[in-house]
Structure formats: C-alpha cells, structure tokens
C-alpha atoms as a PDB file:
ATOM      1  CA  MET A   1       7.870   9.170   1.246  1.00  0.00           C
ATOM      2  CA  THR A   2       8.448   5.580   2.630  1.00  0.00           C
ATOM      3  CA  THR A   3       9.480   3.073   0.178  1.00  0.00           C
ATOM      4  CA  ILE A   4       8.469  -0.581   0.598  1.00  0.00           C
ATOM      5  CA  ILE A   5      10.815  -3.367  -0.988  1.00  0.00           C
ATOM      6  CA  SER A   6      10.007  -6.824  -0.657  1.00  0.00           C
ATOM      7  CA  PHE A   7      13.040  -9.494  -1.432  1.00  0.00           C
ATOM      8  CA  VAL A   8      11.425 -12.464  -3.287  1.00  0.00           C
ATOM      9  CA  ASN A   9      11.872 -15.952  -5.127  1.00  0.00           C
ATOM     10  CA  GLN A  10      10.249 -18.520  -4.394  1.00  0.00           C
ATOM     11  CA  LYS A  11      13.310 -20.768  -4.920  1.00  0.00           C
ATOM     12  CA  GLY A  12      15.154 -21.080  -1.320  1.00  0.00           C
ATOM     13  CA  GLY A  13      18.794 -20.610  -0.211  1.00  0.00           C
ATOM     14  CA  VAL A  14      19.142 -17.930  -2.485  1.00  0.00           C
ATOM     15  CA  GLY A  15      20.237 -15.200   0.023  1.00  0.00           C
ATOM     16  CA  LYS A  16      16.780 -13.525   0.566  1.00  0.00           C
ATOM     17  CA  THR A  17      16.943 -12.721   4.259  1.00  0.00           C
ATOM     18  CA  THR A  18      21.031 -12.656   4.177  1.00  0.00           C
ATOM     19  CA  SER A  19      19.938  -9.656   1.567  1.00  0.00           C
ATOM     20  CA  THR A  20      17.366  -8.406   3.712  1.00  0.00           C
ATOM     21  CA  ILE A  21      19.768  -7.548   6.349  1.00  0.00           C
ATOM     22  CA  ASN A  22      22.388  -6.542   4.966  1.00  0.00           C
ATOM     23  CA  THR A  23      20.917  -4.549   2.308  1.00  0.00           C
ATOM     24  CA  ALA A  24      19.212  -3.047   5.576  1.00  0.00           C
ATOM     25  CA  THR A  25      22.257  -2.245   7.666  1.00  0.00           C
ATOM     26  CA  ALA A  26      23.965  -0.753   4.854  1.00  0.00           C
ATOM     27  CA  LEU A  27      21.044   1.459   4.361  1.00  0.00           C
ATOM     28  CA  SER A  28      20.641   2.320   7.752  1.00  0.00           C
ATOM     29  CA  LYS A  29      24.355   3.126   8.342  1.00  0.00           C
ATOM     30  CA  LEU A  30      23.894   5.915   5.250  1.00  0.00           C
ATOM     31  CA  ASN A  31      21.369   7.626   7.949  1.00  0.00           C
ATOM     32  CA  PHE A  32      18.221   6.266   6.283  1.00  0.00           C
ATOM     33  CA  LYS A  33      15.367   5.133   8.476  1.00  0.00           C
ATOM     34  CA  ILE A  34      14.380   1.263   8.177  1.00  0.00           C
ATOM     35  CA  LEU A  35      11.986  -0.956   8.918  1.00  0.00           C
ATOM     36  CA  ILE A  36      12.074  -4.360   8.538  1.00  0.00           C
ATOM     37  CA  ILE A  37       9.132  -6.559   8.407  1.00  0.00           C
ATOM     38  CA  ASP A  38       9.687 -10.484   8.693  1.00  0.00           C
ATOM     39  CA  MET A  39       7.217 -11.661   6.936  1.00  0.00           C
ATOM     40  CA  ASP A  40       9.034 -15.530   6.872  1.00  0.00           C
ATOM     41  CA  PRO A  41       7.867 -18.037   9.522  1.00  0.00           C
ATOM     42  CA  GLN A  42      11.143 -19.679   9.891  1.00  0.00           C
ATOM     43  CA  ALA A  43      12.371 -16.002  10.927  1.00  0.00           C
ATOM     44  CA  ASN A  44      15.673 -15.398  10.669  1.00  0.00           C
ATOM     45  CA  SER A  45      15.459 -12.380   9.882  1.00  0.00           C
ATOM     46  CA  THR A  46      14.317 -12.083  13.145  1.00  0.00           C
ATOM     47  CA  GLN A  47      16.716 -14.192  15.330  1.00  0.00           C
ATOM     48  CA  VAL A  48      20.033 -12.600  13.807  1.00  0.00           C
ATOM     49  CA  LEU A  49      18.488  -9.219  14.717  1.00  0.00           C
ATOM     50  CA  THR A  50      16.503  -9.012  18.054  1.00  0.00           C
ATOM     51  CA  PRO A  51      16.267 -11.283  21.258  1.00  0.00           C
ATOM     52  CA  THR A  52      12.546 -12.256  20.766  1.00  0.00           C
ATOM     53  CA  SER A  53      10.569 -15.353  21.936  1.00  0.00           C
ATOM     54  CA  ASP A  54       7.825 -17.121  20.164  1.00  0.00           C
ATOM     55  CA  ASN A  55       6.111 -15.459  23.254  1.00  0.00           C
ATOM     56  CA  ASP A  56       6.204 -12.369  22.469  1.00  0.00           C
ATOM     57  CA  PRO A  57       3.875 -10.273  19.895  1.00  0.00           C
ATOM     58  CA  SER A  58       5.055 -10.558  16.934  1.00  0.00           C
ATOM     59  CA  ILE A  59       3.229  -9.391  12.534  1.00  0.00           C
ATOM     60  CA  TYR A  60       0.936 -11.993  13.022  1.00  0.00           C
ATOM     61  CA  ASP A  61      -0.933 -10.078  15.521  1.00  0.00           C
ATOM     62  CA  LEU A  62      -0.453  -7.067  13.349  1.00  0.00           C
ATOM     63  CA  LEU A  63      -2.243  -9.533  10.217  1.00  0.00           C
ATOM     64  CA  PHE A  64      -4.799 -11.131  12.590  1.00  0.00           C
ATOM     65  CA  PRO A  65      -6.204  -8.357  15.626  1.00  0.00           C
ATOM     66  CA  ASN A  66      -8.819 -10.133  16.470  1.00  0.00           C
ATOM     67  CA  LYS A  67      -7.216 -13.511  17.244  1.00  0.00           C
ATOM     68  CA  SER A  68      -5.583 -12.068  19.892  1.00  0.00           C
ATOM     69  CA  THR A  69      -7.200 -12.281  23.484  1.00  0.00           C
ATOM     70  CA  LYS A  70      -6.114  -8.279  23.908  1.00  0.00           C
ATOM     71  CA  GLU A  71      -5.660  -5.439  21.812  1.00  0.00           C
ATOM     72  CA  ILE A  72      -1.945  -5.603  20.440  1.00  0.00           C
ATOM     73  CA  THR A  73      -0.121  -1.907  18.996  1.00  0.00           C
ATOM     74  CA  PHE A  74       2.449  -1.276  16.491  1.00  0.00           C
ATOM     75  CA  GLU A  75       4.326  -0.065  18.942  1.00  0.00           C
ATOM     76  CA  ASP A  76       3.930  -3.589  21.358  1.00  0.00           C
ATOM     77  CA  VAL A  77       4.864  -5.334  17.909  1.00  0.00           C
ATOM     78  CA  LYS A  78       8.205  -3.196  17.378  1.00  0.00           C
ATOM     79  CA  GLN A  79      11.530  -3.882  18.279  1.00  0.00           C
ATOM     80  CA  SER A  80      14.668  -2.284  18.359  1.00  0.00           C
ATOM     81  CA  THR A  81      18.177  -3.871  16.522  1.00  0.00           C
ATOM     82  CA  TYR A  82      21.736  -3.392  17.793  1.00  0.00           C
ATOM     83  CA  LEU A  83      21.729  -0.529  14.580  1.00  0.00           C
ATOM     84  CA  LYS A  84      20.558   3.136  15.581  1.00  0.00           C
ATOM     85  CA  ASN A  85      18.259   3.370  12.611  1.00  0.00           C
ATOM     86  CA  LEU A  86      17.114  -0.239  12.381  1.00  0.00           C
ATOM     87  CA  ASP A  87      14.150  -1.851  13.667  1.00  0.00           C
ATOM     88  CA  ILE A  88      11.917  -5.108  12.801  1.00  0.00           C
ATOM     89  CA  LEU A  89       8.515  -6.467  12.925  1.00  0.00           C
ATOM     90  CA  PRO A  90       9.403 -10.025  13.924  1.00  0.00           C
ATOM     91  CA  SER A  91       8.046 -13.137  12.665  1.00  0.00           C
ATOM     92  CA  ASN A  92       7.709 -16.361  15.223  1.00  0.00           C
ATOM     93  CA  VAL A  93       5.721 -19.603  14.928  1.00  0.00           C
ATOM     94  CA  LEU A  94       2.629 -18.376  14.829  1.00  0.00           C
ATOM     95  CA  LEU A  95       3.404 -17.001  11.167  1.00  0.00           C
ATOM     96  CA  SER A  96       3.591 -20.463  10.222  1.00  0.00           C
ATOM     97  CA  SER A  97      -0.346 -20.712  10.416  1.00  0.00           C
ATOM     98  CA  ALA A  98      -0.908 -17.667   8.570  1.00  0.00           C
ATOM     99  CA  GLU A  99      -1.294 -19.122   5.107  1.00  0.00           C
ATOM    100  CA  ILE A 100      -4.684 -21.112   6.564  1.00  0.00           C
ATOM    101  CA  ASP A 101      -6.004 -18.371   8.043  1.00  0.00           C
ATOM    102  CA  LEU A 102      -5.653 -16.432   5.722  1.00  0.00           C
ATOM    103  CA  VAL A 103      -8.019 -18.177   3.262  1.00  0.00           C
ATOM    104  CA  ASN A 104     -11.037 -17.247   4.671  1.00  0.00           C
ATOM    105  CA  GLU A 105      -9.900 -13.733   5.189  1.00  0.00           C
ATOM    106  CA  HIS A 106     -11.842 -11.295   3.288  1.00  0.00           C
ATOM    107  CA  ALA A 107     -10.011 -10.077   0.978  1.00  0.00           C
ATOM    108  CA  ARG A 108      -7.316 -12.143   1.889  1.00  0.00           C
ATOM    109  CA  GLU A 109      -4.437 -10.968  -0.592  1.00  0.00           C
ATOM    110  CA  THR A 110      -4.610  -7.506   0.634  1.00  0.00           C
ATOM    111  CA  VAL A 111      -4.476  -8.130   4.136  1.00  0.00           C
ATOM    112  CA  LEU A 112      -0.727  -6.858   4.626  1.00  0.00           C
ATOM    113  CA  LYS A 113      -1.023  -3.670   2.574  1.00  0.00           C
ATOM    114  CA  ARG A 114      -4.485  -2.857   4.699  1.00  0.00           C
ATOM    115  CA  CYS A 115      -2.357  -3.365   7.779  1.00  0.00           C
ATOM    116  CA  LEU A 116       0.068  -1.231   6.815  1.00  0.00           C
ATOM    117  CA  LYS A 117      -1.975   1.441   5.865  1.00  0.00           C
ATOM    118  CA  ASN A 118      -4.122   1.332   8.978  1.00  0.00           C
ATOM    119  CA  HIS A 119      -0.395   2.334  10.804  1.00  0.00           C
ATOM    120  CA  SER A 120       0.521   4.771   8.354  1.00  0.00           C
ATOM    121  CA  ASN A 121       1.244   7.293  11.227  1.00  0.00           C
ATOM    122  CA  GLN A 122       3.783   4.905  12.730  1.00  0.00           C
ATOM    123  CA  ILE A 123       5.331   3.766   9.428  1.00  0.00           C
ATOM    124  CA  LYS A 124       5.112   7.266   7.628  1.00  0.00           C
ATOM    125  CA  HIS A 125       8.414   7.657  10.223  1.00  0.00           C
ATOM    126  CA  TYR A 126      10.841   5.099   8.065  1.00  0.00           C
ATOM    127  CA  ASP A 127      12.181   5.985   4.986  1.00  0.00           C
ATOM    128  CA  PHE A 128      12.516   2.281   3.848  1.00  0.00           C
ATOM    129  CA  ILE A 129      10.331  -0.773   4.911  1.00  0.00           C
ATOM    130  CA  LEU A 130      12.526  -3.781   3.389  1.00  0.00           C
ATOM    131  CA  ILE A 131      10.106  -7.155   3.393  1.00  0.00           C
ATOM    132  CA  ASP A 132      11.815 -10.720   3.854  1.00  0.00           C
ATOM    133  CA  CYS A 133       9.511 -13.384   2.407  1.00  0.00           C
ATOM    134  CA  GLN A 134       9.415 -16.905   2.653  1.00  0.00           C
ATOM    135  CA  PRO A 135      10.485 -18.997  -0.241  1.00  0.00           C
ATOM    136  CA  SER A 136       7.108 -19.615  -1.877  1.00  0.00           C
ATOM    137  CA  LEU A 137       4.553 -18.017  -4.230  1.00  0.00           C
ATOM    138  CA  GLY A 138       1.948 -18.725  -1.443  1.00  0.00           C
ATOM    139  CA  LEU A 139      -0.179 -16.016   0.185  1.00  0.00           C
ATOM    140  CA  LEU A 140       2.225 -14.035   2.382  1.00  0.00           C
ATOM    141  CA  THR A 141       4.209 -13.711  -0.519  1.00  0.00           C
ATOM    142  CA  ILE A 142       1.798 -12.628  -2.281  1.00  0.00           C
ATOM    143  CA  ASN A 143       0.182 -10.256   0.629  1.00  0.00           C
ATOM    144  CA  SER A 144       4.306  -9.106   0.413  1.00  0.00           C
ATOM    145  CA  ILE A 145       4.150  -8.613  -3.776  1.00  0.00           C
ATOM    146  CA  ILE A 146       0.958  -6.408  -3.303  1.00  0.00           C
ATOM    147  CA  ALA A 147       2.254  -4.402  -0.102  1.00  0.00           C
ATOM    148  CA  ALA A 148       5.508  -3.045  -1.959  1.00  0.00           C
ATOM    149  CA  ASN A 149       6.326  -0.472  -4.684  1.00  0.00           C
ATOM    150  CA  TYR A 150       9.093  -2.823  -5.591  1.00  0.00           C
ATOM    151  CA  LEU A 151      10.927  -6.277  -5.805  1.00  0.00           C
ATOM    152  CA  MET A 152      14.463  -7.137  -5.538  1.00  0.00           C
ATOM    153  CA  VAL A 153      14.931 -10.473  -6.579  1.00  0.00           C
ATOM    154  CA  PRO A 154      18.071 -12.400  -5.066  1.00  0.00           C
ATOM    155  CA  ILE A 155      19.035 -14.815  -7.511  1.00  0.00           C
ATOM    156  CA  HIS A 156      21.372 -17.877  -8.101  1.00  0.00           C
ATOM    157  CA  ALA A 157      23.551 -18.541 -11.221  1.00  0.00           C
ATOM    158  CA  ASP A 158      21.820 -22.181 -11.999  1.00  0.00           C
ATOM    159  CA  VAL A 159      19.108 -23.664 -14.315  1.00  0.00           C
ATOM    160  CA  PHE A 160      16.431 -23.471 -11.875  1.00  0.00           C
ATOM    161  CA  SER A 161      16.707 -20.344 -10.662  1.00  0.00           C
ATOM    162  CA  LEU A 162      17.058 -18.982 -14.095  1.00  0.00           C
ATOM    163  CA  THR A 163      13.883 -20.818 -15.007  1.00  0.00           C
ATOM    164  CA  GLY A 164      11.851 -19.815 -11.735  1.00  0.00           C
ATOM    165  CA  LEU A 165      12.492 -15.845 -13.024  1.00  0.00           C
ATOM    166  CA  GLU A 166      10.117 -16.680 -15.693  1.00  0.00           C
ATOM    167  CA  LEU A 167       6.790 -18.146 -13.117  1.00  0.00           C
ATOM    168  CA  LEU A 168       7.398 -14.783 -10.806  1.00  0.00           C
ATOM    169  CA  THR A 169       7.274 -12.455 -13.741  1.00  0.00           C
ATOM    170  CA  GLN A 170       4.652 -13.737 -14.712  1.00  0.00           C
ATOM    171  CA  THR A 171       2.733 -14.051 -11.217  1.00  0.00           C
ATOM    172  CA  ILE A 172       3.757 -10.701 -10.630  1.00  0.00           C
ATOM    173  CA  GLN A 173       1.939  -9.782 -13.875  1.00  0.00           C
ATOM    174  CA  LYS A 174      -1.089 -11.331 -13.413  1.00  0.00           C
ATOM    175  CA  LEU A 175      -1.143  -9.398  -9.498  1.00  0.00           C
ATOM    176  CA  GLN A 176      -0.443  -6.336 -11.107  1.00  0.00           C
ATOM    177  CA  GLU A 177      -3.735  -6.715 -13.473  1.00  0.00           C
ATOM    178  CA  VAL A 178      -6.202  -8.636 -11.070  1.00  0.00           C
ATOM    179  CA  PHE A 179      -5.015  -6.025  -8.547  1.00  0.00           C
ATOM    180  CA  GLU A 180      -4.243  -3.143 -10.296  1.00  0.00           C
ATOM    181  CA  ILE A 181      -1.504  -2.763  -8.255  1.00  0.00           C
ATOM    182  CA  SER A 182       1.618  -0.650  -9.322  1.00  0.00           C
ATOM    183  CA  THR A 183       4.336  -2.811  -7.630  1.00  0.00           C
ATOM    184  CA  THR A 184       7.244  -3.522  -9.779  1.00  0.00           C
ATOM    185  CA  ILE A 185      10.732  -5.327  -9.724  1.00  0.00           C
ATOM    186  CA  LEU A 186      13.713  -3.067  -8.836  1.00  0.00           C
ATOM    187  CA  GLY A 187      15.669  -5.779 -10.306  1.00  0.00           C
ATOM    188  CA  PHE A 188      17.006  -9.114 -10.221  1.00  0.00           C
ATOM    189  CA  PHE A 189      20.530  -9.540  -8.502  1.00  0.00           C
ATOM    190  CA  PHE A 190      23.218 -12.412  -8.186  1.00  0.00           C
ATOM    191  CA  THR A 191      24.339 -13.713  -4.868  1.00  0.00           C
ATOM    192  CA  GLN A 192      27.241 -16.331  -4.194  1.00  0.00           C
ATOM    193  CA  VAL A 193      29.108 -15.648  -7.313  1.00  0.00           C
ATOM    194  CA  THR A 194      31.895 -17.266  -7.728  1.00  0.00           C
ATOM    195  CA  ILE A 195      33.075 -14.825 -10.688  1.00  0.00           C
ATOM    196  CA  LYS A 196      35.557 -16.741 -12.586  1.00  0.00           C
ATOM    197  CA  ALA A 197      32.648 -19.790 -12.700  1.00  0.00           C
ATOM    198  CA  THR A 198      31.865 -20.219 -16.211  1.00  0.00           C
ATOM    199  CA  LEU A 199      28.615 -20.765 -14.978  1.00  0.00           C
ATOM    200  CA  PHE A 200      28.045 -17.315 -13.402  1.00  0.00           C
ATOM    201  CA  LYS A 201      29.027 -15.827 -16.688  1.00  0.00           C
ATOM    202  CA  GLU A 202      26.917 -17.577 -19.041  1.00  0.00           C
ATOM    203  CA  ALA A 203      23.556 -17.392 -16.248  1.00  0.00           C
ATOM    204  CA  HIS A 204      24.793 -13.310 -16.220  1.00  0.00           C
ATOM    205  CA  GLU A 205      24.636 -12.537 -19.694  1.00  0.00           C
ATOM    206  CA  LEU A 206      21.497 -14.745 -20.352  1.00  0.00           C
ATOM    207  CA  CYS A 207      19.544 -13.040 -17.896  1.00  0.00           C
ATOM    208  CA  LYS A 208      21.158  -9.341 -18.716  1.00  0.00           C
ATOM    209  CA  TYR A 209      19.906 -10.732 -22.592  1.00  0.00           C
ATOM    210  CA  THR A 210      16.535 -11.408 -21.086  1.00  0.00           C
ATOM    211  CA  TYR A 211      15.602  -8.671 -18.647  1.00  0.00           C
ATOM    212  CA  PRO A 212      17.932  -6.198 -20.120  1.00  0.00           C
ATOM    213  CA  ASN A 213      16.592  -2.993 -17.755  1.00  0.00           C
ATOM    214  CA  LEU A 214      16.219  -5.588 -14.979  1.00  0.00           C
ATOM    215  CA  LEU A 215      19.985  -6.695 -13.841  1.00  0.00           C
ATOM    216  CA  PHE A 216      21.339  -4.851 -11.057  1.00  0.00           C
ATOM    217  CA  ASP A 217      25.005  -4.215 -12.032  1.00  0.00           C
ATOM    218  CA  THR A 218      26.243  -5.600  -8.718  1.00  0.00           C
ATOM    219  CA  PHE A 219      26.267  -8.920  -7.381  1.00  0.00           C
ATOM    220  CA  ILE A 220      27.003 -10.087  -3.808  1.00  0.00           C
ATOM    221  CA  ARG A 221      30.314 -12.699  -3.941  1.00  0.00           C
ATOM    222  CA  SER A 222      30.500 -15.484  -2.701  1.00  0.00           C
ATOM    223  CA  ASN A 223      32.142 -15.367   1.190  1.00  0.00           C
ATOM    224  CA  SER A 224      32.328 -17.642   4.192  1.00  0.00           C
ATOM    225  CA  VAL A 225      32.160 -15.002   6.801  1.00  0.00           C
ATOM    226  CA  ILE A 226      28.170 -14.096   5.569  1.00  0.00           C
ATOM    227  CA  ASP A 227      27.418 -17.462   7.587  1.00  0.00           C
ATOM    228  CA  GLN A 228      30.122 -16.242  10.135  1.00  0.00           C
ATOM    229  CA  ALA A 229      28.243 -12.845  10.611  1.00  0.00           C
ATOM    230  CA  ASN A 230      24.572 -14.613  10.633  1.00  0.00           C
ATOM    231  CA  ALA A 231      25.842 -17.061  13.242  1.00  0.00           C
ATOM    232  CA  THR A 232      26.846 -13.923  15.078  1.00  0.00           C
ATOM    233  CA  ASP A 233      23.807 -12.148  15.491  1.00  0.00           C
ATOM    234  CA  GLN A 234      25.071  -9.758  13.238  1.00  0.00           C
ATOM    235  CA  SER A 235      25.049  -8.303   9.342  1.00  0.00           C
ATOM    236  CA  VAL A 236      28.245  -8.997   7.525  1.00  0.00           C
ATOM    237  CA  ILE A 237      28.724  -5.500   7.136  1.00  0.00           C
ATOM    238  CA  ASP A 238      29.152  -5.325  10.661  1.00  0.00           C
ATOM    239  CA  PHE A 239      31.093  -8.664  11.507  1.00  0.00           C
ATOM    240  CA  SER A 240      33.894  -7.802   8.827  1.00  0.00           C
ATOM    241  CA  PRO A 241      33.414  -4.143   7.082  1.00  0.00           C
ATOM    242  CA  SER A 242      36.357  -5.025   4.415  1.00  0.00           C
ATOM    243  CA  SER A 243      35.100  -8.055   3.621  1.00  0.00           C
ATOM    244  CA  SER A 244      33.840  -8.836   0.022  1.00  0.00           C
ATOM    245  CA  SER A 245      30.163  -9.275   1.067  1.00  0.00           C
ATOM    246  CA  SER A 246      29.896  -6.332   3.338  1.00  0.00           C
ATOM    247  CA  ILE A 247      31.769  -3.889   0.043  1.00  0.00           C
ATOM    248  CA  ASP A 248      29.056  -5.641  -2.607  1.00  0.00           C
ATOM    249  CA  TYR A 249      26.110  -4.868  -0.223  1.00  0.00           C
ATOM    250  CA  LYS A 250      26.854  -1.862   0.442  1.00  0.00           C
ATOM    251  CA  SER A 251      27.286  -1.432  -3.571  1.00  0.00           C
ATOM    252  CA  LEU A 252      23.483  -2.964  -3.987  1.00  0.00           C
ATOM    253  CA  ALA A 253      22.272  -0.692  -1.292  1.00  0.00           C
ATOM    254  CA  LYS A 254      23.722   2.424  -2.865  1.00  0.00           C
ATOM    255  CA  GLU A 255      22.450   1.237  -6.843  1.00  0.00           C
ATOM    256  CA  LEU A 256      18.679   0.711  -4.795  1.00  0.00           C
ATOM    257  CA  ILE A 257      18.705   4.204  -4.380  1.00  0.00           C
ATOM    258  CA  SER A 258      19.359   5.904  -7.242  1.00  0.00           C
ATOM    259  CA  LYS A 259      17.173   2.892  -8.815  1.00  0.00           C
ATOM    260  CA  THR A 260      14.204   4.271  -6.511  1.00  0.00           C
ATOM    261  CA  LYS A 261      14.852   7.924  -7.078  1.00  0.00           C
ATOM    262  CA  LYS A 262      14.457   7.755 -10.247  1.00  0.00           C
END
C-alpha cells in the first residue's frame, strides 16, 4: 500500500524542499519506489531533480485537466530523476495561478486527493509519495494535507517556528473535523541545527515537552554542503555521502519507516 507524506510548514526557509529531496533519496537507496509531487509554485524540488521547463506538462495539468487544450496523462507529467527508484510530478509557473483556480473548483480542498484517486493504477506502484508544499496554509497546502496519510513538519529552533506549530496543529485539527480525514502528524524534526547552541537546546526541550509523542529523535545538523548540493542539482546524500547532513537524512528516513510501519 502506498503511503503519502506531505512536508508542511507555513513558515518559509525551514527546509521543506531539502528535506523532501533528501528523505526521498534516502528511501530510494533503501530500494523503496518513491514519487515526489512538487506542490510548490517555486518548483525548487523540480529544479534540483529534473531538467523540465515551464513548457512541459506539470502537476497543474493533472489538477486541472479541463484547462488543457489536449489530454495530458499521468505518464506525460511524470519525470524520471537521476535516481533509479525516484520519480517526480514536477511543478512549473502555472501552479502560481492554482490558488485562484481552486477558488471556483467544486470541493476545492480535495482536488489533489481526487486526482490521486483517479490515477490509483499509476501510484499504486510506489511505496511512498512525498509532497513538497509551499510555505503557506493556502489551498495548495490544504489539498496536500488532505491528500496525505501523514505530515512531516521541519522546524527551526526559533520562537517564530515554535509559535507557528500551534497554528499548524489547530489547522490540521479543523481539517480532520470538517473533512473527516485520518491525516495525522507523523512528527516534527529540527533542521539547520547547531547542536551546542542554547536556543536549540531550549527549543528542543520545549517541543519535546509540548509534543512528547511527535518529535523525531533525528535532527538535521547545519552544513554548507546542503546549499552546494542544491546548486549542483543533486541531493546532499549523493553530493557528500559522509557529511553530517547526509547521515542525518538517512537516519530520518529510517525513523520514518519505523513510524509508518507500526
């Protein structure tokens, strides 16, 4: 059975895209078949993993099939990556208008969920689908939450990130009640961590106290190789296999497997 996980946080710059790419890479290297869905109009996951352009079919075409002048299939949109077990449904500039387009859609919050259901024969071949979300709680993100089985939330060790967690958890609770969905938070994990920093220690303890069952043991240590890897269009796991960030993302992937298989 395919497990769908959305990487979500309304705050920008916390490492959603980097975490999506590297968690997917780590899982693919464990021989799991992975599909990334890039639901962020910035299309950073797409830019790193595939040389697609704004003229190529994208996830937008699957979300809004009636807006295309010709029929575009799942296989038309799906792109292979440089990794054997990793595919992507890319984003492009068209997704920037999706928030407006969704306003007039019937059951606008469940468009992505229905899209995946309509393509169940294609997605059933994947062990995990990882969704890279935009930094907001707009309709694209709400669609990504409702379509998922689980949510993973990357966070920074700062006051604003921790404050934002309360808003995010409240939003998820409301969606669970209104749409009667079973989507749950798989966990929070800290990114760009400086272990000896007092702020990280305090934030980690506070998060552990407030959300005792939701904090991943793994955190991602800060390392300049992450930016270097993104600049060379590859995961940090491939760019620098022995780096702390690479080791941390491999550990995060193993913890993810453990949590989802319970």
